[in-house]
């Protein structure tokens, strides 16, 4: 009976130490996860696609898209025009 009691005491002390050490790890102040998030989002995996966005400026007065051709800017472009993409 005393053997069973001593084993039970040892197991309960070990369980208490495990719980206390886990709580001590969780209680760390000023944890900064931004470095981890930045490292995870910087690398691309094989499944994700690279996003490519094309923007076009639209003129309400002319009802057309803006075109930038060198130094000239006109509001006579159509949707999807190569000079209207930014």
N, C-alpha and C. Protein backbone atom coordinates (compact mmCIF):
# COMPACT_ATOMS: atom_id res chain seq x y z
N UNK A 1 0.82 -1.19 0.00
CA UNK A 1 0.00 0.00 0.00
C UNK A 1 0.86 1.25 0.00
N UNK A 2 1.95 1.23 0.79
CA UNK A 2 2.82 2.40 0.85
C UNK A 2 3.55 2.60 -0.48
N UNK A 3 3.84 1.49 -1.18
CA UNK A 3 4.48 1.59 -2.50
C UNK A 3 3.54 2.29 -3.48
N UNK A 4 2.28 1.94 -3.46
CA UNK A 4 1.29 2.56 -4.34
C UNK A 4 1.11 4.03 -4.00
N UNK A 5 1.11 4.36 -2.72
CA UNK A 5 0.96 5.74 -2.28
C UNK A 5 2.17 6.58 -2.69
N UNK A 6 3.38 6.04 -2.54
CA UNK A 6 4.58 6.80 -2.92
C UNK A 6 4.63 7.00 -4.44
N UNK A 7 4.21 6.00 -5.20
CA UNK A 7 4.17 6.13 -6.65
C UNK A 7 3.16 7.20 -7.06
N UNK A 8 2.03 7.23 -6.41
CA UNK A 8 1.01 8.23 -6.68
C UNK A 8 1.50 9.64 -6.35
N UNK A 9 2.23 9.78 -5.27
CA UNK A 9 2.78 11.09 -4.89
C UNK A 9 3.82 11.55 -5.91
N UNK A 10 4.69 10.65 -6.34
CA UNK A 10 5.71 10.99 -7.32
C UNK A 10 5.07 11.41 -8.63
N UNK A 11 4.06 10.69 -9.08
CA UNK A 11 3.38 11.03 -10.33
C UNK A 11 2.65 12.37 -10.23
N UNK A 12 2.05 12.65 -9.09
CA UNK A 12 1.35 13.92 -8.94
C UNK A 12 2.33 15.09 -8.90
N UNK A 13 3.50 14.90 -8.28
CA UNK A 13 4.51 15.96 -8.27
C UNK A 13 5.04 16.20 -9.68
N UNK A 14 5.27 15.15 -10.43
CA UNK A 14 5.73 15.31 -11.81
C UNK A 14 4.68 16.01 -12.67
N UNK A 15 3.43 15.66 -12.49
CA UNK A 15 2.36 16.31 -13.24
C UNK A 15 2.28 17.79 -12.88
N UNK A 16 2.45 18.11 -11.62
CA UNK A 16 2.43 19.50 -11.18
C UNK A 16 3.59 20.28 -11.78
N UNK A 17 4.77 19.67 -11.85
CA UNK A 17 5.93 20.34 -12.45
C UNK A 17 5.71 20.57 -13.95
N UNK A 18 5.12 19.62 -14.63
CA UNK A 18 4.86 19.78 -16.06
C UNK A 18 3.88 20.91 -16.30
N UNK A 19 2.83 20.97 -15.51
CA UNK A 19 1.83 22.03 -15.66
C UNK A 19 2.44 23.39 -15.35
N UNK A 20 3.23 23.49 -14.29
CA UNK A 20 3.83 24.77 -13.92
C UNK A 20 4.84 25.24 -14.97
N UNK A 21 5.62 24.33 -15.52
CA UNK A 21 6.59 24.74 -16.53
C UNK A 21 5.88 25.20 -17.80
N UNK A 22 4.77 24.56 -18.14
CA UNK A 22 3.99 24.98 -19.31
C UNK A 22 3.38 26.36 -19.09
N UNK A 23 2.90 26.63 -17.91
CA UNK A 23 2.33 27.95 -17.61
C UNK A 23 3.40 29.02 -17.63
N UNK A 24 4.61 28.67 -17.22
CA UNK A 24 5.70 29.64 -17.23
C UNK A 24 6.05 30.02 -18.66
N UNK A 25 6.02 29.09 -19.58
CA UNK A 25 6.30 29.39 -20.98
C UNK A 25 5.22 30.28 -21.56
N UNK A 26 3.96 30.04 -21.20
CA UNK A 26 2.87 30.85 -21.72
C UNK A 26 2.85 32.26 -21.14
N UNK A 27 3.49 32.48 -20.01
CA UNK A 27 3.43 33.77 -19.35
C UNK A 27 4.52 34.74 -19.80
N UNK A 28 5.23 34.45 -20.87
CA UNK A 28 6.30 35.33 -21.34
C UNK A 28 5.69 36.61 -21.89
N UNK A 29 6.20 37.75 -21.45
CA UNK A 29 5.69 39.04 -21.90
C UNK A 29 6.41 39.49 -23.16
N UNK A 30 5.79 40.40 -23.87
CA UNK A 30 6.36 41.05 -25.06
C UNK A 30 6.75 40.05 -26.15
N UNK A 31 5.88 39.12 -26.43
CA UNK A 31 6.13 38.17 -27.50
C UNK A 31 5.79 38.85 -28.82
N UNK A 32 6.73 38.84 -29.76
CA UNK A 32 6.54 39.50 -31.04
C UNK A 32 6.47 38.44 -32.14
N UNK A 33 5.28 38.24 -32.67
CA UNK A 33 5.10 37.24 -33.71
C UNK A 33 5.27 37.82 -35.10
N UNK A 34 5.53 39.11 -35.22
CA UNK A 34 5.61 39.72 -36.55
C UNK A 34 6.77 39.17 -37.37
N UNK A 35 7.87 38.84 -36.72
CA UNK A 35 9.01 38.26 -37.45
C UNK A 35 8.64 36.89 -38.00
N UNK A 36 7.94 36.10 -37.20
CA UNK A 36 7.51 34.78 -37.66
C UNK A 36 6.53 34.91 -38.83
N UNK A 37 5.57 35.81 -38.70
CA UNK A 37 4.58 36.00 -39.76
C UNK A 37 5.25 36.51 -41.02
N UNK A 38 6.21 37.42 -40.87
CA UNK A 38 6.91 37.96 -42.04
C UNK A 38 7.70 36.87 -42.74
N UNK A 39 8.36 36.02 -41.99
CA UNK A 39 9.12 34.93 -42.60
C UNK A 39 8.21 33.92 -43.28
N UNK A 40 7.04 33.67 -42.71
CA UNK A 40 6.12 32.71 -43.31
C UNK A 40 5.48 33.26 -44.58
N UNK A 41 5.19 34.56 -44.60
CA UNK A 41 4.52 35.13 -45.77
C UNK A 41 5.51 35.50 -46.87
N UNK A 42 6.78 35.64 -46.53
CA UNK A 42 7.77 36.01 -47.54
C UNK A 42 8.01 34.85 -48.51
N UNK A 43 8.11 33.65 -47.99
CA UNK A 43 8.37 32.50 -48.85
C UNK A 43 7.11 32.03 -49.53
N UNK A 44 7.22 31.65 -50.77
CA UNK A 44 6.07 31.15 -51.51
C UNK A 44 6.17 29.63 -51.62
N UNK A 45 5.04 29.00 -51.55
CA UNK A 45 5.04 27.57 -51.74
C UNK A 45 4.64 27.24 -53.18
N UNK A 46 4.66 25.98 -53.52
CA UNK A 46 4.39 25.58 -54.90
C UNK A 46 2.92 25.70 -55.28
N UNK A 47 2.04 25.78 -54.30
CA UNK A 47 0.61 25.80 -54.58
C UNK A 47 0.06 27.21 -54.81
N UNK A 48 0.71 28.22 -54.29
CA UNK A 48 0.14 29.56 -54.41
C UNK A 48 0.53 30.21 -55.73
N UNK A 49 -0.36 31.04 -56.22
CA UNK A 49 -0.12 31.75 -57.47
C UNK A 49 0.28 33.18 -57.17
N UNK A 50 1.12 33.71 -58.00
CA UNK A 50 1.51 35.10 -57.86
C UNK A 50 0.39 35.98 -58.41
N UNK A 51 0.00 36.99 -57.65
CA UNK A 51 -1.06 37.87 -58.10
C UNK A 51 -0.48 39.04 -58.86
N UNK A 52 -1.08 39.32 -59.98
CA UNK A 52 -0.65 40.45 -60.80
C UNK A 52 -1.87 41.32 -61.04
N UNK A 53 -1.85 42.53 -60.50
CA UNK A 53 -2.98 43.43 -60.63
C UNK A 53 -2.65 44.52 -61.62
N UNK A 54 -3.61 44.82 -62.47
CA UNK A 54 -3.47 45.89 -63.45
C UNK A 54 -4.50 46.95 -63.10
N UNK A 55 -4.04 48.18 -62.98
CA UNK A 55 -4.92 49.30 -62.65
C UNK A 55 -5.09 50.19 -63.87
N UNK A 56 -6.29 50.73 -64.01
CA UNK A 56 -6.57 51.70 -65.06
C UNK A 56 -7.29 52.89 -64.42
N UNK A 57 -6.89 54.08 -64.84
CA UNK A 57 -7.55 55.29 -64.36
C UNK A 57 -8.69 55.63 -65.31
N UNK A 58 -9.83 55.97 -64.74
CA UNK A 58 -11.04 56.22 -65.52
C UNK A 58 -11.45 57.68 -65.37
N UNK A 59 -11.75 58.33 -66.48
CA UNK A 59 -12.20 59.72 -66.48
C UNK A 59 -13.71 59.75 -66.53
N UNK A 60 -14.33 60.37 -65.54
CA UNK A 60 -15.79 60.46 -65.54
C UNK A 60 -16.31 61.45 -66.58
N UNK A 61 -15.53 62.48 -66.84
CA UNK A 61 -16.01 63.51 -67.78
C UNK A 61 -16.07 62.98 -69.21
N UNK A 62 -15.05 62.25 -69.64
CA UNK A 62 -15.05 61.75 -71.01
C UNK A 62 -15.65 60.35 -71.11
N UNK A 63 -15.75 59.66 -69.99
CA UNK A 63 -16.27 58.29 -70.03
C UNK A 63 -15.29 57.29 -70.59
N UNK A 64 -14.02 57.66 -70.65
CA UNK A 64 -12.98 56.79 -71.20
C UNK A 64 -11.88 56.59 -70.15
N UNK A 65 -10.96 55.73 -70.48
CA UNK A 65 -9.81 55.50 -69.61
C UNK A 65 -8.68 56.45 -69.98
N UNK A 66 -7.88 56.78 -68.97
CA UNK A 66 -6.73 57.65 -69.22
C UNK A 66 -5.62 56.86 -69.89
N UNK A 67 -4.94 57.51 -70.82
CA UNK A 67 -3.79 56.91 -71.50
C UNK A 67 -2.57 57.74 -71.18
N UNK A 68 -1.47 57.07 -70.89
CA UNK A 68 -0.20 57.75 -70.68
C UNK A 68 0.75 57.25 -71.75
N UNK A 69 1.08 58.13 -72.70
CA UNK A 69 1.99 57.78 -73.79
C UNK A 69 3.18 58.73 -73.72
N UNK A 70 4.23 58.27 -73.08
CA UNK A 70 5.39 59.14 -72.89
C UNK A 70 5.05 60.26 -71.94
N UNK A 71 5.11 61.51 -72.46
CA UNK A 71 4.75 62.67 -71.64
C UNK A 71 3.32 63.12 -71.87
N UNK A 72 2.65 62.55 -72.85
CA UNK A 72 1.28 62.94 -73.17
C UNK A 72 0.28 62.11 -72.37
N UNK A 73 -0.76 62.77 -71.90
CA UNK A 73 -1.84 62.09 -71.19
C UNK A 73 -3.14 62.47 -71.86
N UNK A 74 -3.93 61.49 -72.23
CA UNK A 74 -5.23 61.76 -72.84
C UNK A 74 -6.29 60.90 -72.15
N UNK A 75 -7.52 61.33 -72.25
CA UNK A 75 -8.64 60.59 -71.65
C UNK A 75 -9.50 59.99 -72.75
N UNK A 76 -8.85 59.36 -73.72
CA UNK A 76 -9.58 58.79 -74.85
C UNK A 76 -9.32 57.29 -75.00
N UNK A 77 -8.77 56.68 -73.99
CA UNK A 77 -8.43 55.26 -74.09
C UNK A 77 -9.61 54.35 -73.84
N UNK A 78 -9.53 53.15 -74.40
CA UNK A 78 -10.56 52.14 -74.20
C UNK A 78 -10.13 51.20 -73.08
N UNK A 79 -11.09 50.42 -72.62
CA UNK A 79 -10.82 49.47 -71.55
C UNK A 79 -9.85 48.39 -72.04
N UNK A 80 -8.77 48.17 -71.32
CA UNK A 80 -7.78 47.17 -71.69
C UNK A 80 -6.70 47.66 -72.62
N UNK A 81 -6.68 48.94 -72.93
CA UNK A 81 -5.66 49.51 -73.81
C UNK A 81 -4.29 49.40 -73.15
N UNK A 82 -3.26 49.10 -73.94
CA UNK A 82 -1.94 48.89 -73.35
C UNK A 82 -1.34 50.16 -72.76
N UNK A 83 -1.73 51.33 -73.26
CA UNK A 83 -1.21 52.58 -72.70
C UNK A 83 -2.00 53.03 -71.48
N UNK A 84 -3.11 52.40 -71.23
CA UNK A 84 -3.93 52.78 -70.09
C UNK A 84 -3.63 52.00 -68.83
N UNK A 85 -2.78 51.01 -68.93
CA UNK A 85 -2.47 50.17 -67.77
C UNK A 85 -1.36 50.80 -66.94
N UNK A 86 -1.55 50.75 -65.66
CA UNK A 86 -0.55 51.33 -64.75
C UNK A 86 0.19 50.20 -64.07
